[in-house]
Amino acid sequence: MSAPKPRSLNVSLPSDLEPVYANFALISHSPSEIIVDFAQALPNQPQVRVKARVVMTPLNAKLFLRALQDNLAKYESAFGEIVLPGRGDELARAFFSGVHPPKTD
């Protein structure tokens, strides 16, 4: 038996849909959900404003991760490698957890 063909979906975007810019994310989970809060952290502002919350099943989160990795690979092959400044792992932890890495000189 062959694998089922992926079905195409007709995606509709509302005309009044506002894009959301995020430079900060908080990720949490329960046994059945992954929650991602996308936020804006502004210089000299101690408060981070959450602009959107996305809730997914763990399966959908893993599929989203795979799709994001695929798109980033395509982006880098077209435009060059995205270089993380300094210690990239700590920068990623800061972006996705709200914990800021120590400053380096």
Protein backbone atom coordinates (compact mmCIF):
# COMPACT_ATOMS: atom_id res chain seq x y z
CA MET A 1 0.00 0.00 0.00
CA SER A 2 1.38 3.46 -0.85
CA ALA A 3 1.48 6.41 1.52
CA PRO A 4 -1.52 8.72 1.34
CA LYS A 5 -1.02 11.83 -0.77
CA PRO A 6 -0.90 15.08 1.19
CA ARG A 7 -4.10 16.96 0.60
CA SER A 8 -3.93 20.58 -0.40
CA LEU A 9 -5.57 23.12 1.84
CA ASN A 10 -7.12 26.39 0.81
CA VAL A 11 -5.73 28.92 3.30
CA SER A 12 -7.65 32.14 3.76
CA LEU A 13 -6.08 35.24 5.32
CA PRO A 14 -8.50 37.81 6.76
CA SER A 15 -8.10 41.21 5.09
CA ASP A 16 -7.70 42.90 8.49
CA LEU A 17 -5.02 40.51 9.78
CA GLU A 18 -2.24 42.52 11.41
CA PRO A 19 1.31 41.13 11.33
CA VAL A 20 2.98 40.69 14.70
CA TYR A 21 6.68 41.44 15.20
CA ALA A 22 8.38 39.40 17.91
CA ASN A 23 11.98 39.47 19.10
CA PHE A 24 11.33 37.45 22.25
CA ALA A 25 9.49 34.19 22.93
CA LEU A 26 8.48 32.25 26.00
CA ILE A 27 7.88 28.53 25.53
CA SER A 28 6.12 26.30 28.04
CA HIS A 29 4.31 23.00 27.91
CA SER A 30 1.86 20.69 29.57
CA PRO A 31 1.56 16.95 28.89
CA SER A 32 -0.76 17.69 25.97
CA GLU A 33 0.20 21.17 24.69
CA ILE A 34 3.13 23.37 23.71
CA ILE A 35 2.50 27.06 24.36
CA VAL A 36 4.54 29.77 22.63
CA ASP A 37 4.10 33.40 23.66
CA PHE A 38 5.57 35.79 21.11
CA ALA A 39 6.56 39.14 22.59
CA GLN A 40 8.35 42.40 21.98
CA ALA A 41 11.27 43.35 24.20
CA LEU A 42 12.26 46.99 23.74
CA PRO A 43 15.54 48.61 24.79
CA ASN A 44 15.42 50.29 28.21
CA GLN A 45 11.95 48.87 28.88
CA PRO A 46 11.85 46.35 31.74
CA GLN A 47 8.46 44.96 30.71
CA VAL A 48 8.10 42.55 27.79
CA ARG A 49 4.73 42.74 26.01
CA VAL A 50 3.24 39.47 24.79
CA LYS A 51 1.63 40.10 21.39
CA ALA A 52 0.45 36.61 20.43
CA ARG A 53 0.01 33.18 22.00
CA VAL A 54 0.11 30.00 19.93
CA VAL A 55 -0.98 26.69 21.45
CA MET A 56 -0.14 23.44 19.63
CA THR A 57 -0.12 19.73 20.30
CA PRO A 58 3.38 18.32 20.81
CA LEU A 59 3.04 16.52 17.44
CA ASN A 60 2.16 19.75 15.63
CA ALA A 61 4.97 21.59 17.44
CA LYS A 62 7.46 18.98 16.21
CA LEU A 63 6.09 19.24 12.66
CA PHE A 64 6.33 23.04 12.93
CA LEU A 65 9.95 22.73 14.10
CA ARG A 66 10.74 20.52 11.11
CA ALA A 67 9.08 22.96 8.70
CA LEU A 68 10.91 25.91 10.27
CA GLN A 69 14.27 24.10 10.03
CA ASP A 70 13.54 23.30 6.37
CA ASN A 71 12.66 26.93 5.62
CA LEU A 72 15.74 28.26 7.43
CA ALA A 73 17.93 25.87 5.43
CA LYS A 74 16.36 27.16 2.20
CA TYR A 75 16.82 30.75 3.38
CA GLU A 76 20.51 30.15 4.18
CA SER A 77 21.14 28.45 0.85
CA ALA A 78 19.68 31.48 -0.91
CA PHE A 79 21.06 34.29 1.29
CA GLY A 80 23.95 32.82 3.27
CA GLU A 81 24.38 31.46 6.76
CA ILE A 82 22.64 33.19 9.64
CA VAL A 83 25.46 33.78 12.10
CA LEU A 84 24.54 34.00 15.75
CA PRO A 85 26.55 36.63 17.64
CA GLY A 86 28.78 35.47 20.46
CA ARG A 87 27.72 32.27 22.14
CA GLY A 88 24.74 31.21 20.06
CA ASP A 89 23.34 28.66 22.49
CA GLU A 90 23.06 31.23 25.26
CA LEU A 91 21.49 33.75 22.90
CA ALA A 92 18.85 31.19 21.89
CA ARG A 93 18.15 30.36 25.54
CA ALA A 94 17.73 34.07 26.26
CA PHE A 95 15.34 34.55 23.35
CA PHE A 96 13.22 31.54 24.20
CA SER A 97 13.24 31.65 27.99
CA GLY A 98 13.61 35.25 29.04
CA VAL A 99 16.93 34.55 30.76
CA HIS A 100 19.57 36.95 29.53
CA PRO A 101 23.10 35.60 28.98
CA PRO A 102 25.96 37.26 30.84
CA LYS A 103 27.62 40.08 28.95
CA THR A 104 31.01 39.36 27.46
CA ASP A 105 33.68 41.97 26.78
